[in-house]
Amino acid sequence: MKKRKILITCLLISTIFFSIVLAVIIEPSYVSTITDLSELNNHIDLAIEHAGLELSIFEKTSVKVTNEFSRTIYTTRLPSSFSKTSFHLALHQYLYQLNIQCPAKVILPENNMNIHIVYKNTIFRTIKLNTAKAQIDYEQQ
């Protein structure tokens, strides 16, 4: 009985060790990479639609960052019942395949969310999900 416990313990430890080694050695595989900025825009548009929102509800503005680069900001108002976190998760799952990160920041107490689209350590786009003011006033009554 004691030898059996030792054997099981050794097997568990070796499994943990090999799992850690594999996690460190194996690089994540990505479906593709982005070759130009217009391709990035297309992927962001597809990701927004894939996550369940229509592109037509977004207002797009451009902010000049440098002489050579400007960032597009997508802004929309959504009802408070809309799950911004679920949208962010769906967006992340789609963009992750392309090696694009999308960290988000929630702004309280409005529960607005700003999602930054980051590729090669540069923020290329920002998606601002704002809670519709009428919904907030209605809920407070």
Protein backbone atom coordinates (compact mmCIF):
# COMPACT_ATOMS: atom_id res chain seq x y z
CA MET A 1 0.00 0.00 0.00
CA LYS A 2 2.83 2.39 0.89
CA LYS A 3 4.70 1.62 -2.36
CA ARG A 4 1.52 2.36 -4.30
CA LYS A 5 1.16 5.80 -2.69
CA ILE A 6 4.79 6.58 -3.45
CA LEU A 7 4.33 5.48 -7.07
CA ILE A 8 1.20 7.63 -7.50
CA THR A 9 2.96 10.61 -5.92
CA CYS A 10 5.95 10.18 -8.25
CA LEU A 11 3.65 9.94 -11.27
CA LEU A 12 1.81 13.12 -10.24
CA ILE A 13 5.05 15.03 -9.71
CA SER A 14 6.44 13.89 -13.06
CA THR A 15 3.18 14.86 -14.80
CA ILE A 16 3.34 18.33 -13.27
CA PHE A 17 6.98 18.67 -14.25
CA PHE A 18 6.34 17.66 -17.88
CA SER A 19 3.31 19.97 -18.08
CA ILE A 20 5.43 22.90 -16.98
CA VAL A 21 8.18 22.00 -19.46
CA LEU A 22 5.67 21.76 -22.32
CA ALA A 23 4.05 25.06 -21.36
CA VAL A 24 7.43 26.80 -21.48
CA ILE A 25 8.76 25.12 -24.63
CA ILE A 26 5.71 25.15 -26.91
CA GLU A 27 5.04 28.50 -28.59
CA PRO A 28 1.41 29.47 -29.12
CA SER A 29 0.33 28.99 -32.71
CA TYR A 30 -1.44 31.80 -34.49
CA VAL A 31 -3.63 31.50 -37.54
CA SER A 32 -1.92 34.33 -39.39
CA THR A 33 -0.14 37.60 -39.00
CA ILE A 34 -1.09 41.09 -40.10
CA THR A 35 0.83 42.49 -43.07
CA ASP A 36 -0.67 46.00 -43.30
CA LEU A 37 -2.96 48.39 -41.45
CA SER A 38 -5.95 47.90 -43.76
CA GLU A 39 -5.82 44.17 -43.03
CA LEU A 40 -5.86 44.97 -39.31
CA ASN A 41 -8.95 47.16 -39.83
CA ASN A 42 -10.71 44.32 -41.65
CA HIS A 43 -9.93 41.89 -38.85
CA ILE A 44 -11.18 44.33 -36.20
CA ASP A 45 -14.41 44.84 -38.16
CA LEU A 46 -14.88 41.08 -38.48
CA ALA A 47 -14.13 40.60 -34.79
CA ILE A 48 -16.77 43.19 -33.83
CA GLU A 49 -19.35 41.45 -36.00
CA HIS A 50 -18.23 38.03 -34.74
CA ALA A 51 -18.71 39.26 -31.18
CA GLY A 52 -22.33 40.15 -31.92
CA LEU A 53 -22.41 43.88 -32.72
CA GLU A 54 -23.19 45.69 -35.97
CA LEU A 55 -20.49 48.00 -37.33
CA SER A 56 -23.14 50.58 -38.18
CA ILE A 57 -23.67 51.42 -34.47
CA PHE A 58 -20.07 52.61 -34.13
CA GLU A 59 -18.89 56.16 -34.75
CA LYS A 60 -15.32 56.16 -36.04
CA THR A 61 -12.97 59.04 -35.34
CA SER A 62 -9.29 59.38 -36.07
CA VAL A 63 -6.74 60.84 -33.65
CA LYS A 64 -3.34 61.89 -34.95
CA VAL A 65 -0.58 60.34 -32.84
CA THR A 66 2.46 61.23 -34.97
CA ASN A 67 2.96 62.65 -38.45
CA GLU A 68 2.94 59.12 -39.85
CA PHE A 69 0.37 57.45 -37.60
CA SER A 70 -3.21 58.09 -36.51
CA ARG A 71 -5.36 55.89 -34.29
CA THR A 72 -9.00 55.09 -35.07
CA ILE A 73 -11.41 55.18 -32.15
CA TYR A 74 -14.66 53.24 -32.39
CA THR A 75 -17.35 54.66 -30.06
CA THR A 76 -20.87 53.44 -29.36
CA ARG A 77 -23.58 53.63 -26.71
CA LEU A 78 -25.11 50.39 -25.51
CA PRO A 79 -27.93 49.58 -23.09
CA SER A 80 -26.81 48.73 -19.57
CA SER A 81 -28.19 45.22 -20.08
CA PHE A 82 -25.56 44.57 -22.78
CA SER A 83 -22.64 42.53 -21.41
CA LYS A 84 -19.51 44.46 -22.28
CA THR A 85 -17.42 41.74 -20.64
CA SER A 86 -18.89 39.05 -22.90
CA PHE A 87 -18.22 41.25 -25.92
CA HIS A 88 -14.63 41.79 -24.77
CA LEU A 89 -14.14 38.04 -24.30
CA ALA A 90 -15.49 37.26 -27.80
CA LEU A 91 -13.31 39.99 -29.29
CA HIS A 92 -10.27 38.65 -27.44
CA GLN A 93 -10.88 35.08 -28.59
CA TYR A 94 -11.10 36.19 -32.23
CA LEU A 95 -8.09 38.54 -32.18
CA TYR A 96 -5.87 36.22 -30.12
CA GLN A 97 -5.65 33.88 -33.12
CA LEU A 98 -3.95 36.74 -34.99
CA ASN A 99 -1.48 37.54 -32.19
CA ILE A 100 -3.40 40.73 -31.37
CA GLN A 101 -4.01 41.64 -27.73
CA CYS A 102 -7.01 43.64 -26.54
CA PRO A 103 -6.65 44.76 -22.92
CA ALA A 104 -9.63 46.62 -21.50
CA LYS A 105 -10.29 49.19 -18.81
CA VAL A 106 -13.65 49.60 -17.09
CA ILE A 107 -14.53 53.14 -16.08
CA LEU A 108 -16.68 53.33 -12.96
CA PRO A 109 -19.35 54.31 -11.94
CA GLU A 110 -20.60 54.59 -15.54
CA ASN A 111 -19.56 50.99 -16.35
CA ASN A 112 -18.04 52.14 -19.62
CA MET A 113 -15.32 49.99 -21.17
CA ASN A 114 -12.35 51.04 -23.29
CA ILE A 115 -10.76 48.19 -25.25
CA HIS A 116 -7.36 48.84 -26.80
CA ILE A 117 -6.32 46.84 -29.86
CA VAL A 118 -2.58 46.20 -29.45
CA TYR A 119 -0.38 44.71 -32.14
CA LYS A 120 3.41 44.52 -31.84
CA ASN A 121 3.32 46.66 -28.66
CA THR A 122 1.45 49.51 -30.36
CA ILE A 123 -2.15 50.55 -29.68
CA PHE A 124 -3.65 50.72 -33.17
CA ARG A 125 -7.34 51.06 -32.32
CA THR A 126 -9.57 51.79 -29.32
CA ILE A 127 -13.14 50.58 -28.92
CA LYS A 128 -15.20 52.62 -26.45
CA LEU A 129 -18.33 50.92 -25.18
CA ASN A 130 -20.38 53.52 -23.32
CA THR A 131 -23.54 52.87 -21.36
CA ALA A 132 -26.52 54.72 -22.81
CA LYS A 133 -27.41 57.64 -20.51
CA ALA A 134 -31.18 57.06 -20.82
CA GLN A 135 -30.75 53.54 -19.48
CA ILE A 136 -28.79 54.77 -16.45
CA ASP A 137 -31.44 57.39 -15.58
CA TYR A 138 -34.23 54.83 -15.98
CA GLU A 139 -32.50 52.29 -13.71
CA GLN A 140 -31.91 54.83 -10.93
CA GLN A 141 -35.62 55.67 -10.62
